[in-house]
PDB file of N, CA and C in Angstrom:
ATOM      1  N   MET A   1      21.359  48.177 -32.979  1.00  0.00           N
ATOM      2  CA  MET A   1      20.417  47.089 -32.749  1.00  0.00           C
ATOM      3  C   MET A   1      21.115  45.634 -32.756  1.00  0.00           C
ATOM      4  N   VAL A   2      22.371  46.153 -33.505  1.00  0.00           N
ATOM      5  CA  VAL A   2      23.623  44.664 -32.672  1.00  0.00           C
ATOM      6  C   VAL A   2      23.835  44.829 -31.537  1.00  0.00           C
ATOM      7  N   GLY A   3      23.814  46.246 -30.661  1.00  0.00           N
ATOM      8  CA  GLY A   3      24.077  45.844 -29.352  1.00  0.00           C
ATOM      9  C   GLY A   3      22.707  45.118 -28.266  1.00  0.00           C
ATOM     10  N   SER A   4      21.738  45.440 -29.019  1.00  0.00           N
ATOM     11  CA  SER A   4      20.617  44.939 -27.412  1.00  0.00           C
ATOM     12  C   SER A   4      21.481  43.667 -28.283  1.00  0.00           C
ATOM     13  N   SER A   5      20.716  42.938 -29.912  1.00  0.00           N
ATOM     14  CA  SER A   5      20.512  41.872 -29.689  1.00  0.00           C
ATOM     15  C   SER A   5      21.599  40.933 -28.928  1.00  0.00           C
ATOM     16  N   SER A   6      22.964  41.457 -28.955  1.00  0.00           N
ATOM     17  CA  SER A   6      24.204  40.628 -28.278  1.00  0.00           C
ATOM     18  C   SER A   6      23.573  40.958 -26.467  1.00  0.00           C
ATOM     19  N   ALA A   7      23.132  41.623 -25.674  1.00  0.00           N
ATOM     20  CA  ALA A   7      22.631  41.960 -24.726  1.00  0.00           C
ATOM     21  C   ALA A   7      21.314  40.727 -24.501  1.00  0.00           C
ATOM     22  N   SER A   8      20.638  40.552 -25.667  1.00  0.00           N
ATOM     23  CA  SER A   8      19.297  39.949 -24.984  1.00  0.00           C
ATOM     24  C   SER A   8      20.603  38.276 -24.739  1.00  0.00           C
ATOM     25  N   SER A   9      20.752  38.348 -26.246  1.00  0.00           N
ATOM     26  CA  SER A   9      21.736  36.795 -26.473  1.00  0.00           C
ATOM     27  C   SER A   9      22.533  36.336 -25.175  1.00  0.00           C
ATOM     28  N   TYR A  10      22.568  37.759 -24.059  1.00  0.00           N
ATOM     29  CA  TYR A  10      23.998  37.354 -23.209  1.00  0.00           C
ATOM     30  C   TYR A  10      23.022  37.208 -22.218  1.00  0.00           C
ATOM     31  N   GLN A  11      21.962  37.430 -21.946  1.00  0.00           N
ATOM     32  CA  GLN A  11      20.749  37.361 -20.988  1.00  0.00           C
ATOM     33  C   GLN A  11      20.421  36.232 -20.858  1.00  0.00           C
ATOM     34  N   LEU A  12      20.107  35.526 -21.705  1.00  0.00           N
ATOM     35  CA  LEU A  12      19.423  34.000 -22.056  1.00  0.00           C
ATOM     36  C   LEU A  12      20.463  33.186 -21.842  1.00  0.00           C
ATOM     37  N   LEU A  13      21.353  33.750 -21.794  1.00  0.00           N
ATOM     38  CA  LEU A  13      22.563  32.761 -21.744  1.00  0.00           C
ATOM     39  C   LEU A  13      23.819  32.661 -20.666  1.00  0.00           C
ATOM     40  N   GLN A  14      23.160  33.362 -19.485  1.00  0.00           N
ATOM     41  CA  GLN A  14      24.298  33.393 -18.366  1.00  0.00           C
ATOM     42  C   GLN A  14      23.438  32.711 -17.603  1.00  0.00           C
ATOM     43  N   PRO A  15      21.839  32.401 -17.160  1.00  0.00           N
ATOM     44  CA  PRO A  15      21.016  31.353 -16.570  1.00  0.00           C
ATOM     45  C   PRO A  15      21.869  29.949 -16.960  1.00  0.00           C
ATOM     46  N   LEU A  16      22.406  29.636 -18.114  1.00  0.00           N
ATOM     47  CA  LEU A  16      22.575  28.257 -18.101  1.00  0.00           C
ATOM     48  C   LEU A  16      23.623  28.252 -18.132  1.00  0.00           C
ATOM     49  N   ALA A  17      24.444  29.393 -18.799  1.00  0.00           N
ATOM     50  CA  ALA A  17      25.958  29.353 -17.541  1.00  0.00           C
ATOM     51  C   ALA A  17      25.968  29.230 -16.546  1.00  0.00           C
ATOM     52  N   GLN A  18      25.315  29.953 -15.165  1.00  0.00           N
ATOM     53  CA  GLN A  18      25.028  29.414 -14.488  1.00  0.00           C
ATOM     54  C   GLN A  18      24.867  28.041 -13.625  1.00  0.00           C
ATOM     55  N   MET A  19      23.602  27.252 -14.904  1.00  0.00           N
ATOM     56  CA  MET A  19      23.388  25.945 -14.123  1.00  0.00           C
ATOM     57  C   MET A  19      24.469  24.723 -14.601  1.00  0.00           C
ATOM     58  N   ALA A  20      25.564  25.491 -15.878  1.00  0.00           N
ATOM     59  CA  ALA A  20      26.707  24.575 -15.919  1.00  0.00           C
ATOM     60  C   ALA A  20      27.431  24.101 -15.004  1.00  0.00           C
ATOM     61  N   ARG A  21      27.155  25.787 -14.319  1.00  0.00           N
ATOM     62  CA  ARG A  21      28.347  26.410 -13.234  1.00  0.00           C
ATOM     63  C   ARG A  21      28.348  24.625 -11.814  1.00  0.00           C
ATOM     64  N   PHE A  22      26.376  24.899 -11.826  1.00  0.00           N
ATOM     65  CA  PHE A  22      26.404  24.522 -10.413  1.00  0.00           C
ATOM     66  C   PHE A  22      25.747  23.251 -11.223  1.00  0.00           C
ATOM     67  N   ALA A  23      25.966  22.667 -12.036  1.00  0.00           N
ATOM     68  CA  ALA A  23      26.310  20.924 -11.934  1.00  0.00           C
ATOM     69  C   ALA A  23      27.718  20.974 -12.436  1.00  0.00           C
ATOM     70  N   ALA A  24      28.966  21.710 -12.574  1.00  0.00           N
ATOM     71  CA  ALA A  24      30.066  20.663 -12.349  1.00  0.00           C
ATOM     72  C   ALA A  24      29.765  20.542 -11.011  1.00  0.00           C
ATOM     73  N   SER A  25      29.838  21.777  -9.943  1.00  0.00           N
ATOM     74  CA  SER A  25      30.968  21.642  -9.207  1.00  0.00           C
ATOM     75  C   SER A  25      29.324  20.613  -8.266  1.00  0.00           C
ATOM     76  N   VAL A  26      28.271  20.227  -8.345  1.00  0.00           N
ATOM     77  CA  VAL A  26      27.820  18.840  -8.701  1.00  0.00           C
ATOM     78  C   VAL A  26      28.816  17.936  -8.461  1.00  0.00           C
ATOM     79  N   ARG A  27      28.586  17.756  -9.723  1.00  0.00           N
ATOM     80  CA  ARG A  27      29.353  16.508 -10.117  1.00  0.00           C
ATOM     81  C   ARG A  27      31.129  16.583  -9.043  1.00  0.00           C
ATOM     82  N   SER A  28      32.072  17.380  -9.475  1.00  0.00           N
ATOM     83  CA  SER A  28      33.063  17.710  -8.490  1.00  0.00           C
ATOM     84  C   SER A  28      32.569  16.860  -6.925  1.00  0.00           C
ATOM     85  N   ALA A  29      31.760  17.105  -6.193  1.00  0.00           N
ATOM     86  CA  ALA A  29      31.442  17.412  -4.706  1.00  0.00           C
ATOM     87  C   ALA A  29      31.266  15.397  -4.411  1.00  0.00           C
ATOM     88  N   SER A  30      30.215  15.107  -6.126  1.00  0.00           N
ATOM     89  CA  SER A  30      29.789  13.744  -6.040  1.00  0.00           C
ATOM     90  C   SER A  30      30.874  12.847  -6.192  1.00  0.00           C
ATOM     91  N   LYS A  31      31.570  13.389  -7.207  1.00  0.00           N
ATOM     92  CA  LYS A  31      32.954  12.268  -7.089  1.00  0.00           C
ATOM     93  C   LYS A  31      33.937  11.998  -6.011  1.00  0.00           C
ATOM     94  N   ARG A  32      34.233  13.585  -5.265  1.00  0.00           N
ATOM     95  CA  ARG A  32      34.751  13.707  -3.571  1.00  0.00           C
ATOM     96  C   ARG A  32      34.004  12.466  -2.790  1.00  0.00           C
ATOM     97  N   ALA A  33      32.625  12.529  -2.515  1.00  0.00           N
ATOM     98  CA  ALA A  33      32.180  12.112  -2.528  1.00  0.00           C
ATOM     99  C   ALA A  33      31.966  10.366  -2.057  1.00  0.00           C
ATOM    100  N   MET A  34      32.122   9.720  -3.540  1.00  0.00           N
ATOM    101  CA  MET A  34      32.179   8.794  -3.976  1.00  0.00           C
ATOM    102  C   MET A  34      33.483   7.916  -3.766  1.00  0.00           C
ATOM    103  N   ALA A  35      34.574   8.685  -3.414  1.00  0.00           N
ATOM    104  CA  ALA A  35      35.420   8.877  -3.741  1.00  0.00           C
ATOM    105  C   ALA A  35      36.473   8.422  -2.366  1.00  0.00           C
ATOM    106  N   ALA A  36      35.350   8.734  -1.154  1.00  0.00           N
ATOM    107  CA  ALA A  36      36.255   9.127   0.155  1.00  0.00           C
ATOM    108  C   ALA A  36      34.775   7.135   0.499  1.00  0.00           C
ATOM    109  N   ARG A  37      34.021   7.047  -0.044  1.00  0.00           N
ATOM    110  CA  ARG A  37      33.249   5.438  -0.151  1.00  0.00           C
ATOM    111  C   ARG A  37      34.102   4.386  -0.116  1.00  0.00           C
ATOM    112  N   VAL A  38      34.813   5.073  -0.659  1.00  0.00           N
ATOM    113  CA  VAL A  38      35.680   3.606  -1.452  1.00  0.00           C
ATOM    114  C   VAL A  38      36.682   2.870  -1.152  1.00  0.00           C
ATOM    115  N   THR A  39      36.627   1.316  -0.921  1.00  0.00           N
ATOM    116  CA  THR A  39      37.442   0.676  -0.554  1.00  0.00           C
ATOM    117  C   THR A  39      38.799  -0.114  -0.925  1.00  0.00           C
ATOM    118  N   PRO A  40      39.493   0.494  -0.596  1.00  0.00           N
ATOM    119  CA  PRO A  40      40.640  -0.315  -1.087  1.00  0.00           C
ATOM    120  C   PRO A  40      41.218  -1.898  -1.374  1.00  0.00           C
ATOM    121  N   ILE A  41      41.081  -1.933  -2.178  1.00  0.00           N
ATOM    122  CA  ILE A  41      41.067  -3.729  -2.558  1.00  0.00           C
ATOM    123  C   ILE A  41      41.720  -4.237  -1.486  1.00  0.00           C
ATOM    124  N   GLU A  42      42.974  -3.837  -0.933  1.00  0.00           N
ATOM    125  CA  GLU A  42      43.518  -4.785  -0.404  1.00  0.00           C
ATOM    126  C   GLU A  42      43.319  -4.903   1.468  1.00  0.00           C
ATOM    127  N   ARG A  43      42.071  -4.076   1.402  1.00  0.00           N
ATOM    128  CA  ARG A  43      41.382  -3.727   2.847  1.00  0.00           C
ATOM    129  C   ARG A  43      39.917  -4.485   2.775  1.00  0.00           C
ATOM    130  N   LEU A  44      39.897  -5.715   1.538  1.00  0.00           N
ATOM    131  CA  LEU A  44      38.517  -5.917   1.073  1.00  0.00           C
ATOM    132  C   LEU A  44      38.302  -6.811   1.966  1.00  0.00           C
ATOM    133  N   GLU A  45      37.757  -7.534   2.522  1.00  0.00           N
ATOM    134  CA  GLU A  45      37.484  -9.042   3.414  1.00  0.00           C
ATOM    135  C   GLU A  45      36.538 -10.054   2.623  1.00  0.00           C
ATOM    136  N   VAL A  46      37.169 -10.944   1.635  1.00  0.00           N
ATOM    137  CA  VAL A  46      35.987 -11.349   1.409  1.00  0.00           C
ATOM    138  C   VAL A  46      36.075 -12.678   1.781  1.00  0.00           C
ATOM    139  N   PRO A  47      34.754 -13.115   1.724  1.00  0.00           N
ATOM    140  CA  PRO A  47      34.465 -14.856   2.953  1.00  0.00           C
ATOM    141  C   PRO A  47      34.653 -15.818   2.723  1.00  0.00           C
ATOM    142  N   ALA A  48      35.566 -17.139   2.879  1.00  0.00           N
ATOM    143  CA  ALA A  48      35.939 -18.529   2.350  1.00  0.00           C
ATOM    144  C   ALA A  48      35.169 -18.669   1.485  1.00  0.00           C
ATOM    145  N   THR A  49      34.003 -19.051   1.832  1.00  0.00           N
ATOM    146  CA  THR A  49      32.885 -20.118   1.208  1.00  0.00           C
ATOM    147  C   THR A  49      31.650 -19.054   0.926  1.00  0.00           C
ATOM    148  N   VAL A  50      30.281 -19.952  -0.183  1.00  0.00           N
ATOM    149  CA  VAL A  50      29.152 -19.662   0.217  1.00  0.00           C
ATOM    150  C   VAL A  50      28.300 -18.508   1.510  1.00  0.00           C
ATOM    151  N   GLN A  51      28.731 -20.218   2.061  1.00  0.00           N
ATOM    152  CA  GLN A  51      27.847 -19.804   3.694  1.00  0.00           C
ATOM    153  C   GLN A  51      28.214 -18.958   4.372  1.00  0.00           C
ATOM    154  N   ALA A  52      29.581 -18.954   4.879  1.00  0.00           N
ATOM    155  CA  ALA A  52      30.439 -17.138   5.326  1.00  0.00           C
ATOM    156  C   ALA A  52      29.223 -16.291   4.156  1.00  0.00           C
ATOM    157  N   VAL A  53      29.546 -15.993   3.264  1.00  0.00           N
ATOM    158  CA  VAL A  53      29.113 -14.889   2.096  1.00  0.00           C
ATOM    159  C   VAL A  53      27.265 -14.633   2.491  1.00  0.00           C
ATOM    160  N   LEU A  54      26.534 -15.712   3.528  1.00  0.00           N
ATOM    161  CA  LEU A  54      25.322 -16.055   3.240  1.00  0.00           C
ATOM    162  C   LEU A  54      24.838 -15.376   4.415  1.00  0.00           C
ATOM    163  N   ALA A  55      25.813 -16.033   5.926  1.00  0.00           N
ATOM    164  CA  ALA A  55      25.572 -15.649   6.882  1.00  0.00           C
ATOM    165  C   ALA A  55      26.132 -13.744   7.086  1.00  0.00           C
ATOM    166  N   ALA A  56      27.313 -13.928   6.248  1.00  0.00           N
ATOM    167  CA  ALA A  56      27.334 -11.948   6.010  1.00  0.00           C
ATOM    168  C   ALA A  56      26.037 -11.144   6.269  1.00  0.00           C
ATOM    169  N   ARG A  57      25.346 -12.298   5.028  1.00  0.00           N
ATOM    170  CA  ARG A  57      24.304 -10.673   4.434  1.00  0.00           C
ATOM    171  C   ARG A  57      23.180 -10.947   5.452  1.00  0.00           C
ATOM    172  N   ILE A  58      22.789 -12.049   5.579  1.00  0.00           N
ATOM    173  CA  ILE A  58      21.807 -12.439   6.850  1.00  0.00           C
ATOM    174  C   ILE A  58      21.903 -11.482   8.279  1.00  0.00           C
ATOM    175  N   ASP A  59      23.725 -11.602   8.717  1.00  0.00           N
ATOM    176  CA  ASP A  59      23.855 -10.502   9.286  1.00  0.00           C
ATOM    177  C   ASP A  59      23.555  -9.299   9.637  1.00  0.00           C
ATOM    178  N   ARG A  60      23.331  -8.614   8.454  1.00  0.00           N
ATOM    179  CA  ARG A  60      23.327  -7.513   7.929  1.00  0.00           C
ATOM    180  C   ARG A  60      21.637  -6.428   7.766  1.00  0.00           C
ATOM    181  N   LEU A  61      20.376  -8.253   7.189  1.00  0.00           N
ATOM    182  CA  LEU A  61      19.291  -7.797   7.673  1.00  0.00           C
ATOM    183  C   LEU A  61      19.005  -7.430   9.179  1.00  0.00           C
ATOM    184  N   PRO A  62      17.726  -6.738   9.020  1.00  0.00           N
ATOM    185  CA  PRO A  62      16.752  -6.350  10.097  1.00  0.00           C
ATOM    186  C   PRO A  62      16.400  -7.679  11.140  1.00  0.00           C
ATOM    187  N   GLU A  63      15.365  -7.424  11.876  1.00  0.00           N
ATOM    188  CA  GLU A  63      15.552  -8.523  13.133  1.00  0.00           C
ATOM    189  C   GLU A  63      14.705  -9.234  12.798  1.00  0.00           C
ATOM    190  N   ARG A  64      13.540  -7.946  12.219  1.00  0.00           N
ATOM    191  CA  ARG A  64      12.093  -9.027  11.780  1.00  0.00           C
ATOM    192  C   ARG A  64      12.173 -10.104  10.568  1.00  0.00           C
ATOM    193  N   GLU A  65      13.162  -9.562   9.780  1.00  0.00           N
ATOM    194  CA  GLU A  65      13.604 -10.398   8.391  1.00  0.00           C
ATOM    195  C   GLU A  65      14.705 -11.764   9.196  1.00  0.00           C
ATOM    196  N   LYS A  66      15.815 -11.460   9.620  1.00  0.00           N
ATOM    197  CA  LYS A  66      16.181 -12.328  10.534  1.00  0.00           C
ATOM    198  C   LYS A  66      15.006 -13.553  10.952  1.00  0.00           C
ATOM    199  N   ARG A  67      14.801 -13.272  11.859  1.00  0.00           N
ATOM    200  CA  ARG A  67      13.198 -13.719  12.121  1.00  0.00           C
ATOM    201  C   ARG A  67      12.889 -14.495  11.600  1.00  0.00           C
ATOM    202  N   LEU A  68      12.277 -13.941  10.706  1.00  0.00           N
ATOM    203  CA  LEU A  68      11.880 -14.924   9.429  1.00  0.00           C
ATOM    204  C   LEU A  68      12.562 -16.028   8.360  1.00  0.00           C
ATOM    205  N   LEU A  69      13.427 -15.556   8.196  1.00  0.00           N
ATOM    206  CA  LEU A  69      14.408 -16.506   7.544  1.00  0.00           C
ATOM    207  C   LEU A  69      14.720 -17.924   8.260  1.00  0.00           C
ATOM    208  N   HIS A  70      14.486 -17.682  10.643  1.00  0.00           N
ATOM    209  CA  HIS A  70      14.667 -18.473  11.378  1.00  0.00           C
ATOM    210  C   HIS A  70      13.724 -19.119  11.406  1.00  0.00           C
ATOM    211  N   VAL A  71      12.199 -18.880  10.878  1.00  0.00           N
ATOM    212  CA  VAL A  71      11.208 -19.565  10.890  1.00  0.00           C
ATOM    213  C   VAL A  71      10.940 -20.315   9.749  1.00  0.00           C
ATOM    214  N   ALA A  72      11.068 -19.849   8.330  1.00  0.00           N
ATOM    215  CA  ALA A  72      10.934 -20.671   7.540  1.00  0.00           C
ATOM    216  C   ALA A  72      12.514 -21.645   7.245  1.00  0.00           C
ATOM    217  N   GLU A  73      13.679 -21.504   8.306  1.00  0.00           N
ATOM    218  CA  GLU A  73      14.629 -22.541   8.004  1.00  0.00           C
ATOM    219  C   GLU A  73      13.518 -23.844   8.805  1.00  0.00           C
ATOM    220  N   TYR A  74      13.480 -23.476   9.991  1.00  0.00           N
ATOM    221  CA  TYR A  74      12.398 -24.582  11.027  1.00  0.00           C
ATOM    222  C   TYR A  74      11.790 -25.255  10.076  1.00  0.00           C
ATOM    223  N   THR A  75      10.911 -24.154   9.293  1.00  0.00           N
ATOM    224  CA  THR A  75       9.866 -24.855   8.379  1.00  0.00           C
ATOM    225  C   THR A  75       9.942 -26.102   7.722  1.00  0.00           C
ATOM    226  N   PHE A  76      11.023 -25.435   6.822  1.00  0.00           N
ATOM    227  CA  PHE A  76      11.711 -26.348   5.815  1.00  0.00           C
ATOM    228  C   PHE A  76      12.725 -27.728   6.490  1.00  0.00           C
ATOM    229  N   LYS A  77      13.110 -27.607   7.564  1.00  0.00           N
ATOM    230  CA  LYS A  77      13.957 -29.088   7.841  1.00  0.00           C
ATOM    231  C   LYS A  77      13.212 -29.667   9.140  1.00  0.00           C
ATOM    232  N   HIS A  78      11.457 -29.595   9.178  1.00  0.00           N
ATOM    233  CA  HIS A  78      11.004 -30.290   9.779  1.00  0.00           C
ATOM    234  C   HIS A  78      10.708 -31.372   9.070  1.00  0.00           C
ATOM    235  N   PRO A  79      10.733 -33.057   9.700  1.00  0.00           N
ATOM    236  CA  PRO A  79      10.369 -33.820   9.037  1.00  0.00           C
ATOM    237  C   PRO A  79       9.613 -33.660   8.474  1.00  0.00           C
ATOM    238  N   LEU A  80       7.704 -33.452   9.216  1.00  0.00           N
ATOM    239  CA  LEU A  80       6.401 -33.278   8.242  1.00  0.00           C
ATOM    240  C   LEU A  80       6.795 -33.001   6.736  1.00  0.00           C
ATOM    241  N   THR A  81       7.231 -31.653   6.956  1.00  0.00           N
ATOM    242  CA  THR A  81       7.048 -30.496   5.636  1.00  0.00           C
ATOM    243  C   THR A  81       7.998 -31.563   4.606  1.00  0.00           C
ATOM    244  N   GLN A  82       9.583 -32.042   5.074  1.00  0.00           N
ATOM    245  CA  GLN A  82      10.500 -32.816   4.216  1.00  0.00           C
ATOM    246  C   GLN A  82       9.455 -33.603   3.670  1.00  0.00           C
ATOM    247  N   GLU A  83       8.834 -34.594   4.171  1.00  0.00           N
ATOM    248  CA  GLU A  83       7.526 -35.527   4.149  1.00  0.00           C
ATOM    249  C   GLU A  83       6.590 -35.675   3.239  1.00  0.00           C
ATOM    250  N   VAL A  84       6.487 -34.291   3.484  1.00  0.00           N
ATOM    251  CA  VAL A  84       5.139 -33.669   2.231  1.00  0.00           C
ATOM    252  C   VAL A  84       5.493 -33.054   0.857  1.00  0.00           C
ATOM    253  N   ALA A  85       7.125 -32.555   1.387  1.00  0.00           N
ATOM    254  CA  ALA A  85       7.605 -32.398  -0.266  1.00  0.00           C
ATOM    255  C   ALA A  85       7.791 -33.302  -0.807  1.00  0.00           C
ATOM    256  N   LEU A  86       8.236 -34.107   0.008  1.00  0.00           N
ATOM    257  CA  LEU A  86       8.761 -35.378  -1.135  1.00  0.00           C
ATOM    258  C   LEU A  86       7.808 -36.079  -1.765  1.00  0.00           C
ATOM    259  N   GLY A  87       6.786 -36.269  -0.929  1.00  0.00           N
ATOM    260  CA  GLY A  87       5.539 -36.981  -1.042  1.00  0.00           C
ATOM    261  C   GLY A  87       5.074 -36.396  -2.589  1.00  0.00           C
ATOM    262  N   SER A  88       5.015 -35.001  -3.078  1.00  0.00           N
ATOM    263  CA  SER A  88       4.730 -33.992  -3.928  1.00  0.00           C
ATOM    264  C   SER A  88       5.511 -34.240  -5.176  1.00  0.00           C
ATOM    265  N   GLN A  89       7.296 -34.338  -4.456  1.00  0.00           N
ATOM    266  CA  GLN A  89       7.404 -34.829  -5.884  1.00  0.00           C
ATOM    267  C   GLN A  89       8.147 -35.999  -6.416  1.00  0.00           C
ATOM    268  N   LEU A  90       7.580 -37.082  -5.693  1.00  0.00           N
ATOM    269  CA  LEU A  90       6.999 -38.254  -5.752  1.00  0.00           C
ATOM    270  C   LEU A  90       5.778 -38.109  -6.893  1.00  0.00           C
ATOM    271  N   LYS A  91       5.056 -37.795  -6.512  1.00  0.00           N
ATOM    272  CA  LYS A  91       3.595 -37.406  -7.625  1.00  0.00           C
ATOM    273  C   LYS A  91       3.554 -37.388  -8.689  1.00  0.00           C
ATOM    274  N   GLU A  92       4.494 -36.097  -9.350  1.00  0.00           N
ATOM    275  CA  GLU A  92       4.720 -35.621  -9.930  1.00  0.00           C
ATOM    276  C   GLU A  92       5.797 -36.548 -10.525  1.00  0.00           C
ATOM    277  N   ARG A  93       6.794 -37.081 -10.483  1.00  0.00           N
ATOM    278  CA  ARG A  93       7.290 -37.736 -10.746  1.00  0.00           C
ATOM    279  C   ARG A  93       6.901 -38.314 -11.587  1.00  0.00           C
ATOM    280  N   ALA A  94       5.814 -39.021 -10.864  1.00  0.00           N
ATOM    281  CA  ALA A  94       5.161 -40.185 -11.503  1.00  0.00           C
ATOM    282  C   ALA A  94       3.520 -39.941 -12.788  1.00  0.00           C
ATOM    283  N   ALA A  95       3.308 -39.260 -11.949  1.00  0.00           N
ATOM    284  CA  ALA A  95       2.413 -38.806 -12.930  1.00  0.00           C
ATOM    285  C   ALA A  95       2.843 -38.087 -14.725  1.00  0.00           C
ATOM    286  N   ARG A  96       4.300 -38.175 -15.259  1.00  0.00           N
ATOM    287  CA  ARG A  96       5.146 -37.277 -16.228  1.00  0.00           C
ATOM    288  C   ARG A  96       4.967 -38.888 -16.740  1.00  0.00           C
TER     289      ARG A  96
END
């Protein structure tokens, strides 16, 4: 009886051991992949200004989103838009 009990325990534990070996190999491969993607700090380029950071981020956007930003920029710089925004701010302050 003792022999069959240890055999069945072995059969139950064998898949768990295989899963543990597989998980370890996945972790190892993941660490190697992460190490390959990390840029050494000496080679990092940090923009000098907030505007440069924003420009770099905008440059990475898809064309559609870039066009949307340009339309929004034009809209909010347009004199009529600024006048309306200023007027609503003045009304809001007066209401306080």
